[in-house]
């Protein structure tokens, strides 16, 4: 599982679809196209978390740290 270090979101205003590139901690880019507006909103919320990871099956995984 690779930690996401940065991401870029794009939106095609003509075709009404999104594009996202995730860059992991080894500097490898993972690109995804033709994302709906609903998916873009969900992905943005997930990526806003402190720790986001991409596993080998292309699952984006986030979690919350327990605060004492």
N, C-alpha and C. Protein backbone atom coordinates (compact mmCIF):
# COMPACT_ATOMS: atom_id res chain seq x y z
N UNK A 1 0.85 -1.16 0.00
CA UNK A 1 0.00 0.00 0.00
C UNK A 1 0.90 1.23 0.00
N UNK A 2 0.61 2.18 -0.88
CA UNK A 2 1.41 3.39 -1.01
C UNK A 2 0.64 4.59 -0.47
N UNK A 3 1.34 5.43 0.26
CA UNK A 3 0.73 6.65 0.79
C UNK A 3 0.63 7.69 -0.32
N UNK A 4 -0.52 8.35 -0.39
CA UNK A 4 -0.72 9.43 -1.35
C UNK A 4 -0.05 10.69 -0.81
N UNK A 5 0.89 11.23 -1.58
CA UNK A 5 1.61 12.44 -1.16
C UNK A 5 0.96 13.70 -1.74
N UNK A 6 0.40 13.60 -2.94
CA UNK A 6 -0.26 14.75 -3.56
C UNK A 6 -1.27 14.26 -4.58
N UNK A 7 -2.14 15.16 -5.00
CA UNK A 7 -3.14 14.81 -6.00
C UNK A 7 -3.50 16.04 -6.81
N UNK A 8 -4.01 15.79 -8.00
CA UNK A 8 -4.50 16.84 -8.89
C UNK A 8 -5.88 16.44 -9.36
N UNK A 9 -6.83 17.34 -9.23
CA UNK A 9 -8.18 17.12 -9.72
C UNK A 9 -8.43 18.05 -10.90
N UNK A 10 -9.08 17.54 -11.93
CA UNK A 10 -9.46 18.37 -13.07
C UNK A 10 -10.89 18.10 -13.46
N UNK A 11 -11.54 19.09 -14.05
CA UNK A 11 -12.93 18.94 -14.45
C UNK A 11 -13.10 19.47 -15.87
N UNK A 12 -13.58 18.62 -16.79
CA UNK A 12 -13.86 19.01 -18.17
C UNK A 12 -15.24 19.64 -18.19
N UNK A 13 -15.30 20.95 -18.37
CA UNK A 13 -16.57 21.66 -18.30
C UNK A 13 -17.47 21.40 -19.51
N UNK A 14 -16.91 20.94 -20.61
CA UNK A 14 -17.70 20.63 -21.80
C UNK A 14 -18.33 19.25 -21.69
N UNK A 15 -17.52 18.24 -21.37
CA UNK A 15 -18.01 16.87 -21.31
C UNK A 15 -18.57 16.50 -19.94
N UNK A 16 -18.39 17.39 -18.96
CA UNK A 16 -18.93 17.17 -17.61
C UNK A 16 -18.40 15.88 -16.98
N UNK A 17 -17.07 15.73 -17.00
CA UNK A 17 -16.44 14.58 -16.36
C UNK A 17 -15.11 14.99 -15.77
N UNK A 18 -14.69 14.23 -14.77
CA UNK A 18 -13.49 14.58 -14.04
C UNK A 18 -12.30 13.71 -14.36
N UNK A 19 -11.16 14.15 -13.84
CA UNK A 19 -9.89 13.48 -14.02
C UNK A 19 -9.11 13.67 -12.73
N UNK A 20 -8.44 12.63 -12.28
CA UNK A 20 -7.66 12.74 -11.06
C UNK A 20 -6.32 12.02 -11.25
N UNK A 21 -5.28 12.63 -10.73
CA UNK A 21 -3.96 11.99 -10.69
C UNK A 21 -3.51 11.97 -9.24
N UNK A 22 -3.17 10.78 -8.76
CA UNK A 22 -2.64 10.61 -7.41
C UNK A 22 -1.15 10.33 -7.53
N UNK A 23 -0.33 10.97 -6.71
CA UNK A 23 1.10 10.71 -6.68
C UNK A 23 1.43 10.08 -5.35
N UNK A 24 2.04 8.88 -5.41
CA UNK A 24 2.33 8.17 -4.16
C UNK A 24 3.72 8.52 -3.62
N UNK A 25 4.07 7.92 -2.49
CA UNK A 25 5.31 8.27 -1.82
C UNK A 25 6.56 7.80 -2.57
N UNK A 26 6.39 7.00 -3.62
CA UNK A 26 7.54 6.63 -4.46
C UNK A 26 7.57 7.48 -5.74
N UNK A 27 6.77 8.54 -5.77
CA UNK A 27 6.67 9.49 -6.89
C UNK A 27 6.02 8.88 -8.14
N UNK A 28 5.30 7.78 -8.00
CA UNK A 28 4.58 7.18 -9.13
C UNK A 28 3.20 7.82 -9.23
N UNK A 29 2.79 8.15 -10.45
CA UNK A 29 1.47 8.73 -10.70
C UNK A 29 0.46 7.65 -11.05
N UNK A 30 -0.76 7.82 -10.55
CA UNK A 30 -1.88 6.92 -10.83
C UNK A 30 -3.01 7.81 -11.33
N UNK A 31 -3.41 7.64 -12.59
CA UNK A 31 -4.41 8.51 -13.20
C UNK A 31 -5.72 7.79 -13.41
N UNK A 32 -6.82 8.52 -13.22
CA UNK A 32 -8.16 7.99 -13.40
C UNK A 32 -8.98 9.01 -14.17
N UNK A 33 -9.72 8.55 -15.19
CA UNK A 33 -10.48 9.43 -16.07
C UNK A 33 -11.98 9.16 -15.99
N UNK A 34 -12.74 10.06 -16.58
CA UNK A 34 -14.19 9.94 -16.73
C UNK A 34 -14.88 9.72 -15.40
N UNK A 35 -14.54 10.54 -14.44
CA UNK A 35 -15.11 10.46 -13.10
C UNK A 35 -16.31 11.40 -13.03
N UNK A 36 -17.40 10.92 -12.45
CA UNK A 36 -18.60 11.74 -12.33
C UNK A 36 -18.41 12.83 -11.26
N UNK A 37 -19.30 13.79 -11.27
CA UNK A 37 -19.25 14.87 -10.28
C UNK A 37 -19.39 14.32 -8.86
N UNK A 38 -20.27 13.35 -8.68
CA UNK A 38 -20.46 12.74 -7.36
C UNK A 38 -19.19 12.03 -6.89
N UNK A 39 -18.55 11.32 -7.81
CA UNK A 39 -17.29 10.64 -7.47
C UNK A 39 -16.19 11.65 -7.13
N UNK A 40 -16.14 12.73 -7.89
CA UNK A 40 -15.13 13.77 -7.62
C UNK A 40 -15.32 14.35 -6.22
N UNK A 41 -16.54 14.62 -5.84
CA UNK A 41 -16.82 15.17 -4.51
C UNK A 41 -16.39 14.20 -3.42
N UNK A 42 -16.70 12.92 -3.60
CA UNK A 42 -16.31 11.90 -2.62
C UNK A 42 -14.79 11.77 -2.54
N UNK A 43 -14.13 11.70 -3.68
CA UNK A 43 -12.67 11.58 -3.69
C UNK A 43 -12.00 12.78 -3.03
N UNK A 44 -12.51 13.96 -3.28
CA UNK A 44 -11.92 15.15 -2.67
C UNK A 44 -12.05 15.09 -1.15
N UNK A 45 -13.20 14.66 -0.66
CA UNK A 45 -13.38 14.53 0.79
C UNK A 45 -12.43 13.48 1.37
N UNK A 46 -12.28 12.37 0.66
CA UNK A 46 -11.38 11.32 1.14
C UNK A 46 -9.93 11.79 1.15
N UNK A 47 -9.52 12.49 0.10
CA UNK A 47 -8.13 12.94 0.00
C UNK A 47 -7.81 14.07 0.96
N UNK A 48 -8.82 14.71 1.51
CA UNK A 48 -8.62 15.78 2.47
C UNK A 48 -8.13 15.24 3.82
N UNK A 49 -8.28 13.94 4.04
CA UNK A 49 -7.82 13.33 5.29
C UNK A 49 -6.30 13.38 5.36
N UNK A 50 -5.77 13.35 6.58
CA UNK A 50 -4.31 13.42 6.78
C UNK A 50 -3.58 12.27 6.09
N UNK A 51 -4.11 11.08 6.18
CA UNK A 51 -3.46 9.91 5.61
C UNK A 51 -4.39 9.24 4.61
N UNK A 52 -3.96 9.18 3.35
CA UNK A 52 -4.70 8.49 2.31
C UNK A 52 -3.73 7.54 1.62
N UNK A 53 -4.21 6.35 1.30
CA UNK A 53 -3.36 5.32 0.71
C UNK A 53 -4.05 4.73 -0.52
N UNK A 54 -3.23 4.23 -1.45
CA UNK A 54 -3.72 3.52 -2.62
C UNK A 54 -3.11 2.12 -2.59
N UNK A 55 -3.98 1.08 -2.60
CA UNK A 55 -3.43 -0.27 -2.54
C UNK A 55 -3.24 -0.84 -3.94
N UNK A 56 -2.78 -2.08 -4.01
CA UNK A 56 -2.44 -2.72 -5.28
C UNK A 56 -3.64 -2.91 -6.20
N UNK A 57 -4.84 -2.98 -5.63
CA UNK A 57 -6.06 -3.15 -6.44
C UNK A 57 -6.72 -1.82 -6.76
N UNK A 58 -6.01 -0.72 -6.55
CA UNK A 58 -6.49 0.63 -6.84
C UNK A 58 -7.59 1.11 -5.91
N UNK A 59 -7.63 0.57 -4.70
CA UNK A 59 -8.55 1.06 -3.68
C UNK A 59 -7.92 2.25 -3.00
N UNK A 60 -8.68 3.34 -2.87
CA UNK A 60 -8.26 4.50 -2.10
C UNK A 60 -8.75 4.29 -0.67
N UNK A 61 -7.82 4.31 0.27
CA UNK A 61 -8.15 3.98 1.66
C UNK A 61 -7.74 5.13 2.56
N UNK A 62 -8.68 5.56 3.41
CA UNK A 62 -8.41 6.61 4.38
C UNK A 62 -8.89 6.14 5.74
N UNK A 63 -8.41 6.78 6.79
CA UNK A 63 -8.83 6.42 8.13
C UNK A 63 -8.68 7.60 9.07
N UNK A 64 -9.13 7.42 10.24
CA UNK A 64 -9.07 8.46 11.24
C UNK A 64 -8.24 7.97 12.40
N UNK A 65 -7.46 8.83 12.94
CA UNK A 65 -6.65 8.49 14.10
C UNK A 65 -7.46 8.73 15.36
N UNK A 66 -7.33 7.81 16.27
CA UNK A 66 -8.01 7.95 17.56
C UNK A 66 -7.28 9.02 18.36
N UNK A 67 -8.02 9.94 18.86
CA UNK A 67 -7.44 11.03 19.67
C UNK A 67 -7.66 10.71 21.15
N UNK A 68 -6.63 10.84 21.95
CA UNK A 68 -6.75 10.58 23.38
C UNK A 68 -7.34 11.76 24.12
